[in-house]
Amino acid sequence: MAQFEHKILTYEMKWKGFPYSQMEKELNELGREGWESVGTIVPSIGNGQTHEISIVLKRTVG
């Protein structure tokens, strides 16, 4: 049975929005290391406004 390790990346909204270029760069680097995005956590406040995005990653151990 496969075993996995997990990682959560969290990005906060900045003045000009989310740092999508940085997010893409980091996800591509982690993908080359065997990490796979398996979900997101997008908490909202007030009228559904989001102030951060968390990305859940996993990779096989061993």
N, C-alpha and C. Protein backbone atom coordinates (compact mmCIF):
# COMPACT_ATOMS: atom_id res chain seq x y z
N MET A 1 0.84 -1.18 0.00
CA MET A 1 0.00 0.00 0.00
C MET A 1 0.89 1.24 0.00
N ALA A 2 0.59 2.17 -0.88
CA ALA A 2 1.39 3.39 -0.99
C ALA A 2 1.23 4.27 0.24
N GLN A 3 2.31 4.93 0.62
CA GLN A 3 2.27 5.89 1.71
C GLN A 3 2.62 7.26 1.14
N PHE A 4 2.01 8.29 1.71
CA PHE A 4 2.18 9.64 1.20
C PHE A 4 2.62 10.58 2.30
N GLU A 5 3.29 11.65 1.87
CA GLU A 5 3.54 12.78 2.75
C GLU A 5 2.80 13.96 2.14
N HIS A 6 2.45 14.92 2.97
CA HIS A 6 1.64 16.06 2.52
C HIS A 6 2.31 17.37 2.86
N LYS A 7 1.94 18.38 2.10
CA LYS A 7 2.47 19.73 2.28
C LYS A 7 1.32 20.68 1.98
N ILE A 8 1.26 21.79 2.72
CA ILE A 8 0.26 22.82 2.46
C ILE A 8 0.98 24.14 2.21
N LEU A 9 0.71 24.73 1.06
CA LEU A 9 1.25 26.05 0.71
C LEU A 9 0.14 27.07 0.90
N THR A 10 0.45 28.19 1.53
CA THR A 10 -0.56 29.23 1.75
C THR A 10 -0.07 30.54 1.16
N TYR A 11 -0.94 31.18 0.39
CA TYR A 11 -0.63 32.46 -0.25
C TYR A 11 -1.67 33.48 0.19
N GLU A 12 -1.20 34.63 0.65
CA GLU A 12 -2.10 35.70 1.06
C GLU A 12 -2.29 36.70 -0.07
N MET A 13 -3.47 37.29 -0.11
CA MET A 13 -3.75 38.30 -1.10
C MET A 13 -2.92 39.54 -0.78
N LYS A 14 -2.30 40.08 -1.79
CA LYS A 14 -1.52 41.31 -1.67
C LYS A 14 -2.33 42.46 -2.23
N TRP A 15 -1.73 43.61 -2.26
CA TRP A 15 -2.39 44.82 -2.76
C TRP A 15 -2.94 44.62 -4.17
N LYS A 16 -2.19 43.93 -5.02
CA LYS A 16 -2.61 43.73 -6.41
C LYS A 16 -3.21 42.35 -6.65
N GLY A 17 -3.64 41.66 -5.61
CA GLY A 17 -4.24 40.34 -5.76
C GLY A 17 -3.30 39.24 -5.33
N PHE A 18 -3.58 38.05 -5.76
CA PHE A 18 -2.75 36.90 -5.40
C PHE A 18 -1.50 36.86 -6.27
N PRO A 19 -0.39 36.34 -5.73
CA PRO A 19 0.87 36.27 -6.49
C PRO A 19 0.89 35.05 -7.42
N TYR A 20 0.07 35.10 -8.46
CA TYR A 20 -0.10 33.93 -9.32
C TYR A 20 1.20 33.48 -9.98
N SER A 21 2.05 34.41 -10.39
CA SER A 21 3.33 34.03 -11.00
C SER A 21 4.20 33.28 -10.02
N GLN A 22 4.25 33.75 -8.80
CA GLN A 22 5.03 33.08 -7.75
C GLN A 22 4.43 31.70 -7.45
N MET A 23 3.11 31.63 -7.38
CA MET A 23 2.44 30.36 -7.12
C MET A 23 2.77 29.34 -8.20
N GLU A 24 2.67 29.77 -9.45
CA GLU A 24 2.95 28.87 -10.57
C GLU A 24 4.40 28.39 -10.54
N LYS A 25 5.33 29.31 -10.28
CA LYS A 25 6.74 28.94 -10.22
C LYS A 25 6.99 27.90 -9.13
N GLU A 26 6.45 28.14 -7.93
CA GLU A 26 6.65 27.22 -6.81
C GLU A 26 6.01 25.86 -7.08
N LEU A 27 4.80 25.86 -7.64
CA LEU A 27 4.12 24.60 -7.94
C LEU A 27 4.88 23.80 -9.00
N ASN A 28 5.42 24.47 -10.01
CA ASN A 28 6.21 23.77 -11.03
C ASN A 28 7.47 23.17 -10.42
N GLU A 29 8.14 23.92 -9.55
CA GLU A 29 9.35 23.40 -8.89
C GLU A 29 9.01 22.17 -8.03
N LEU A 30 7.93 22.27 -7.26
CA LEU A 30 7.53 21.15 -6.41
C LEU A 30 7.07 19.96 -7.25
N GLY A 31 6.43 20.22 -8.38
CA GLY A 31 6.03 19.14 -9.29
C GLY A 31 7.22 18.35 -9.79
N ARG A 32 8.32 19.05 -10.07
CA ARG A 32 9.55 18.35 -10.50
C ARG A 32 10.12 17.49 -9.37
N GLU A 33 9.78 17.82 -8.12
CA GLU A 33 10.23 17.03 -6.97
C GLU A 33 9.26 15.91 -6.61
N GLY A 34 8.20 15.75 -7.42
CA GLY A 34 7.26 14.66 -7.21
C GLY A 34 5.99 15.04 -6.47
N TRP A 35 5.83 16.32 -6.12
CA TRP A 35 4.62 16.76 -5.42
C TRP A 35 3.49 16.95 -6.41
N GLU A 36 2.28 16.60 -5.99
CA GLU A 36 1.08 16.72 -6.82
C GLU A 36 0.03 17.50 -6.04
N SER A 37 -0.58 18.48 -6.68
CA SER A 37 -1.66 19.25 -6.06
C SER A 37 -2.91 18.38 -6.00
N VAL A 38 -3.51 18.26 -4.81
CA VAL A 38 -4.70 17.42 -4.67
C VAL A 38 -5.92 18.18 -4.16
N GLY A 39 -5.75 19.46 -3.83
CA GLY A 39 -6.90 20.21 -3.37
C GLY A 39 -6.52 21.62 -2.96
N THR A 40 -7.54 22.41 -2.69
CA THR A 40 -7.34 23.78 -2.23
C THR A 40 -8.23 24.04 -1.02
N ILE A 41 -7.80 24.99 -0.24
CA ILE A 41 -8.59 25.49 0.88
C ILE A 41 -8.69 27.00 0.66
N VAL A 42 -9.91 27.49 0.52
CA VAL A 42 -10.12 28.90 0.24
C VAL A 42 -11.13 29.46 1.24
N PRO A 43 -10.65 29.83 2.44
CA PRO A 43 -11.58 30.37 3.43
C PRO A 43 -12.08 31.75 2.99
N SER A 44 -13.30 32.04 3.34
CA SER A 44 -13.85 33.35 2.98
C SER A 44 -14.30 34.09 4.24
N ILE A 45 -14.30 35.39 4.14
CA ILE A 45 -14.74 36.25 5.23
C ILE A 45 -15.79 37.21 4.70
N GLY A 46 -16.62 37.71 5.57
CA GLY A 46 -17.60 38.70 5.14
C GLY A 46 -18.51 38.19 4.05
N ASN A 47 -18.59 38.92 2.97
CA ASN A 47 -19.46 38.60 1.84
C ASN A 47 -18.79 37.65 0.86
N GLY A 48 -18.12 36.64 1.37
CA GLY A 48 -17.48 35.67 0.50
C GLY A 48 -16.13 36.10 -0.02
N GLN A 49 -15.56 37.14 0.56
CA GLN A 49 -14.24 37.59 0.12
C GLN A 49 -13.16 36.65 0.65
N THR A 50 -12.19 36.40 -0.18
CA THR A 50 -11.10 35.50 0.17
C THR A 50 -9.84 36.32 0.42
N HIS A 51 -9.13 36.01 1.49
CA HIS A 51 -7.89 36.71 1.78
C HIS A 51 -6.67 35.81 1.67
N GLU A 52 -6.88 34.51 1.50
CA GLU A 52 -5.77 33.60 1.30
C GLU A 52 -6.23 32.34 0.58
N ILE A 53 -5.25 31.69 -0.06
CA ILE A 53 -5.48 30.42 -0.75
C ILE A 53 -4.45 29.44 -0.22
N SER A 54 -4.91 28.25 0.16
CA SER A 54 -3.98 27.19 0.55
C SER A 54 -4.11 26.06 -0.46
N ILE A 55 -2.97 25.52 -0.86
CA ILE A 55 -2.94 24.43 -1.83
C ILE A 55 -2.38 23.20 -1.12
N VAL A 56 -3.10 22.10 -1.19
CA VAL A 56 -2.70 20.85 -0.55
C VAL A 56 -1.97 20.00 -1.58
N LEU A 57 -0.77 19.53 -1.21
CA LEU A 57 0.06 18.72 -2.08
C LEU A 57 0.36 17.38 -1.44
N LYS A 58 0.63 16.37 -2.25
CA LYS A 58 1.06 15.08 -1.71
C LYS A 58 2.08 14.47 -2.65
N ARG A 59 2.88 13.56 -2.10
CA ARG A 59 3.79 12.76 -2.92
C ARG A 59 4.03 11.43 -2.21
N THR A 60 4.37 10.45 -3.01
CA THR A 60 4.62 9.13 -2.48
C THR A 60 5.93 9.12 -1.68
N VAL A 61 5.89 8.45 -0.54
CA VAL A 61 7.09 8.29 0.29
C VAL A 61 7.80 7.01 -0.12
N GLY A 62 9.10 7.13 -0.31
CA GLY A 62 9.87 5.93 -0.60
C GLY A 62 10.28 5.74 -1.97
